[in-house]
Amino acid sequence: MSEAFMNDFDQFTQSWWPYVISFIISIISAIRIYMGGSKCESSGRIEGKNVIITGGASGIGLETTKELSKRGANIILAIRNAEKGTKAVEEIKNFYQKAKVTVKILDMSEFSSIRAFAQQIIDEYEKIDILINNAGIIFHPYKRTSEGNELTFVTNYLGKFSI
């Protein structure tokens, strides 16, 4: 290595910058560890419990679906897109072959879809043991639903109270 580089490096290591950089990295690491939470160590079974998961075709909803199906739940996957639902069921079955997963169409931004879904559940199931409201949207451009409400507000908040 060149002498000039080594001189610059020595000056850098003898300054306060390495301490500042180390401090910032330590803070970021601490926040990341704190926010990461812990892994659920429970192995409790929920055999035969009927579980509705809205927005369970991807992300946290899909991971929740996988875990609860592994624990014996009868999963009702409430999603907007049937194609995504089929792909999610395939992924869940690859994860746990004995999974009991049913796909039902539900658009949380339309009250008519929510009412139709609720009626279908009432007709087909004696009771629902667990409801996981996971569906939501973010950073969507301003848009109104066919019923005149703002899309994000209805999907993320009002729709959950309509079930």
Protein backbone atom coordinates (compact mmCIF):
# COMPACT_ATOMS: atom_id res chain seq x y z
CA MET A 1 0.00 0.00 0.00
CA SER A 2 1.09 3.50 -0.64
CA GLU A 3 2.61 5.60 2.06
CA ALA A 4 0.05 8.38 1.51
CA PHE A 5 -2.80 5.96 2.13
CA MET A 6 -1.22 4.69 5.33
CA ASN A 7 -0.70 8.24 6.58
CA ASP A 8 -4.34 9.09 5.87
CA PHE A 9 -5.44 5.86 7.57
CA ASP A 10 -3.33 6.60 10.66
CA GLN A 11 -4.83 10.09 10.87
CA PHE A 12 -8.31 8.63 10.59
CA THR A 13 -7.78 6.01 13.31
CA GLN A 14 -6.29 8.62 15.62
CA SER A 15 -9.31 10.91 15.27
CA TRP A 16 -12.74 10.70 16.91
CA TRP A 17 -14.53 9.45 13.74
CA PRO A 18 -14.09 5.71 14.41
CA TYR A 19 -15.80 6.22 17.75
CA VAL A 20 -18.70 8.10 16.19
CA ILE A 21 -19.13 5.46 13.49
CA SER A 22 -18.97 2.64 16.06
CA PHE A 23 -21.51 4.43 18.24
CA ILE A 24 -23.95 4.89 15.34
CA ILE A 25 -23.60 1.25 14.27
CA SER A 26 -24.18 0.15 17.86
CA ILE A 27 -27.36 2.25 18.15
CA ILE A 28 -28.70 0.90 14.85
CA SER A 29 -27.92 -2.68 15.92
CA ALA A 30 -29.61 -2.19 19.28
CA ILE A 31 -32.75 -0.78 17.65
CA ARG A 32 -32.81 -3.62 15.14
CA ILE A 33 -32.51 -6.26 17.86
CA TYR A 34 -35.18 -4.56 19.99
CA MET A 35 -37.64 -4.12 17.11
CA GLY A 36 -37.03 -7.64 15.81
CA GLY A 37 -38.85 -9.15 18.77
CA SER A 38 -38.52 -12.77 19.70
CA LYS A 39 -39.59 -16.01 18.12
CA CYS A 40 -42.76 -17.62 19.41
CA GLU A 41 -41.66 -20.75 21.24
CA SER A 42 -45.20 -22.02 21.86
CA SER A 43 -46.08 -25.38 20.37
CA GLY A 44 -49.74 -25.20 21.43
CA ARG A 45 -52.19 -26.99 19.16
CA ILE A 46 -55.45 -25.54 17.91
CA GLU A 47 -56.89 -28.67 16.32
CA GLY A 48 -60.17 -28.10 14.55
CA LYS A 49 -60.42 -24.39 15.35
CA ASN A 50 -61.84 -22.28 12.50
CA VAL A 51 -59.54 -19.36 11.74
CA ILE A 52 -60.24 -16.53 9.29
CA ILE A 53 -57.17 -14.65 8.09
CA THR A 54 -57.77 -11.60 5.91
CA GLY A 55 -54.92 -10.76 3.54
CA GLY A 56 -53.26 -14.12 4.12
CA ALA A 57 -51.92 -14.61 0.59
CA SER A 58 -48.59 -12.88 1.21
CA GLY A 59 -46.31 -11.36 3.83
CA ILE A 60 -47.14 -11.65 7.51
CA GLY A 61 -50.57 -13.08 6.75
CA LEU A 62 -49.05 -15.96 4.75
CA GLU A 63 -46.52 -16.73 7.48
CA THR A 64 -49.29 -16.67 10.10
CA THR A 65 -51.36 -18.99 7.93
CA LYS A 66 -48.45 -21.44 7.63
CA GLU A 67 -47.86 -21.50 11.37
CA LEU A 68 -51.53 -21.90 12.34
CA SER A 69 -52.10 -24.62 9.73
CA LYS A 70 -49.11 -26.49 11.16
CA ARG A 71 -50.83 -26.28 14.56
CA GLY A 72 -53.98 -27.95 13.20
CA ALA A 73 -56.31 -25.03 12.46
CA ASN A 74 -58.92 -24.99 9.72
CA ILE A 75 -57.84 -21.88 7.82
CA ILE A 76 -60.24 -19.70 5.87
CA LEU A 77 -58.08 -17.49 3.68
CA ALA A 78 -60.08 -14.31 2.98
CA ILE A 79 -58.47 -12.56 0.03
CA ARG A 80 -59.32 -10.31 -2.93
CA ASN A 81 -57.65 -12.29 -5.71
CA ALA A 82 -58.49 -15.97 -6.34
CA GLU A 83 -55.29 -16.52 -8.34
CA LYS A 84 -53.12 -15.29 -5.47
CA GLY A 85 -55.17 -17.48 -3.15
CA THR A 86 -54.42 -20.57 -5.23
CA LYS A 87 -50.70 -19.78 -5.19
CA ALA A 88 -50.82 -19.20 -1.42
CA VAL A 89 -52.56 -22.55 -0.85
CA GLU A 90 -49.85 -24.28 -2.92
CA GLU A 91 -47.14 -22.62 -0.84
CA ILE A 92 -48.89 -23.53 2.39
CA LYS A 93 -49.30 -27.15 1.24
CA ASN A 94 -45.59 -27.26 0.35
CA PHE A 95 -44.83 -26.04 3.86
CA TYR A 96 -47.30 -28.39 5.59
CA GLN A 97 -48.99 -31.09 3.49
CA LYS A 98 -51.81 -31.73 5.97
CA ALA A 99 -52.91 -28.09 5.98
CA LYS A 100 -56.67 -27.50 5.83
CA VAL A 101 -57.01 -24.26 3.88
CA THR A 102 -60.07 -22.83 2.14
CA VAL A 103 -59.96 -19.72 -0.03
CA LYS A 104 -62.86 -17.26 0.14
CA ILE A 105 -63.07 -14.04 -1.84
CA LEU A 106 -63.25 -10.88 0.27
CA ASP A 107 -62.54 -7.31 -0.76
CA MET A 108 -62.18 -5.29 2.43
CA SER A 109 -62.71 -2.06 0.52
CA GLU A 110 -66.28 -2.92 -0.53
CA PHE A 111 -69.00 -3.22 2.09
CA SER A 112 -71.09 -5.36 -0.28
CA SER A 113 -68.21 -7.88 -0.55
CA ILE A 114 -67.81 -7.88 3.24
CA ARG A 115 -71.53 -8.56 3.78
CA ALA A 116 -71.54 -11.35 1.15
CA PHE A 117 -68.46 -12.92 2.75
CA ALA A 118 -69.98 -12.74 6.24
CA GLN A 119 -73.19 -14.37 5.03
CA GLN A 120 -71.21 -17.14 3.34
CA ILE A 121 -69.31 -17.81 6.58
CA ILE A 122 -72.54 -17.85 8.61
CA ASP A 123 -74.06 -20.34 6.17
CA GLU A 124 -71.05 -22.67 6.02
CA TYR A 125 -69.57 -22.63 9.53
CA GLU A 126 -71.09 -23.21 12.94
CA LYS A 127 -68.64 -20.82 14.59
CA ILE A 128 -65.41 -18.93 14.01
CA ASP A 129 -62.85 -19.33 16.77
CA ILE A 130 -60.20 -16.85 15.64
CA LEU A 131 -60.32 -13.79 13.37
CA ILE A 132 -57.04 -12.25 12.23
CA ASN A 133 -57.60 -8.92 10.47
CA ASN A 134 -54.40 -8.67 8.46
CA ALA A 135 -55.61 -7.14 5.18
CA GLY A 136 -54.53 -3.61 4.49
CA ILE A 137 -53.05 -1.24 1.97
CA ILE A 138 -50.55 1.60 2.25
CA PHE A 139 -49.30 4.41 0.04
CA HIS A 140 -52.18 4.02 -2.36
CA PRO A 141 -53.07 7.08 -4.42
CA TYR A 142 -56.25 8.85 -3.34
CA LYS A 143 -59.19 6.92 -4.70
CA ARG A 144 -62.83 6.48 -3.78
CA THR A 145 -64.59 3.12 -3.68
CA SER A 146 -67.77 2.47 -5.63
CA GLU A 147 -69.64 3.26 -2.39
CA GLY A 148 -68.01 6.72 -2.19
CA ASN A 149 -65.53 6.15 0.64
CA GLU A 150 -61.77 6.71 0.55
CA LEU A 151 -60.07 3.40 -0.38
CA THR A 152 -57.29 3.27 2.23
CA PHE A 153 -59.57 4.32 5.09
CA VAL A 154 -62.21 1.71 4.22
CA THR A 155 -59.71 -1.11 3.64
CA ASN A 156 -57.60 -0.52 6.73
CA TYR A 157 -60.22 0.67 9.23
CA LEU A 158 -63.90 0.69 8.37
CA GLY A 159 -63.97 -2.69 6.62
CA LYS A 160 -62.89 -4.54 9.75
CA PHE A 161 -65.89 -3.22 11.65
CA SER A 162 -68.28 -4.41 8.97
CA ILE A 163 -67.50 -8.10 9.45
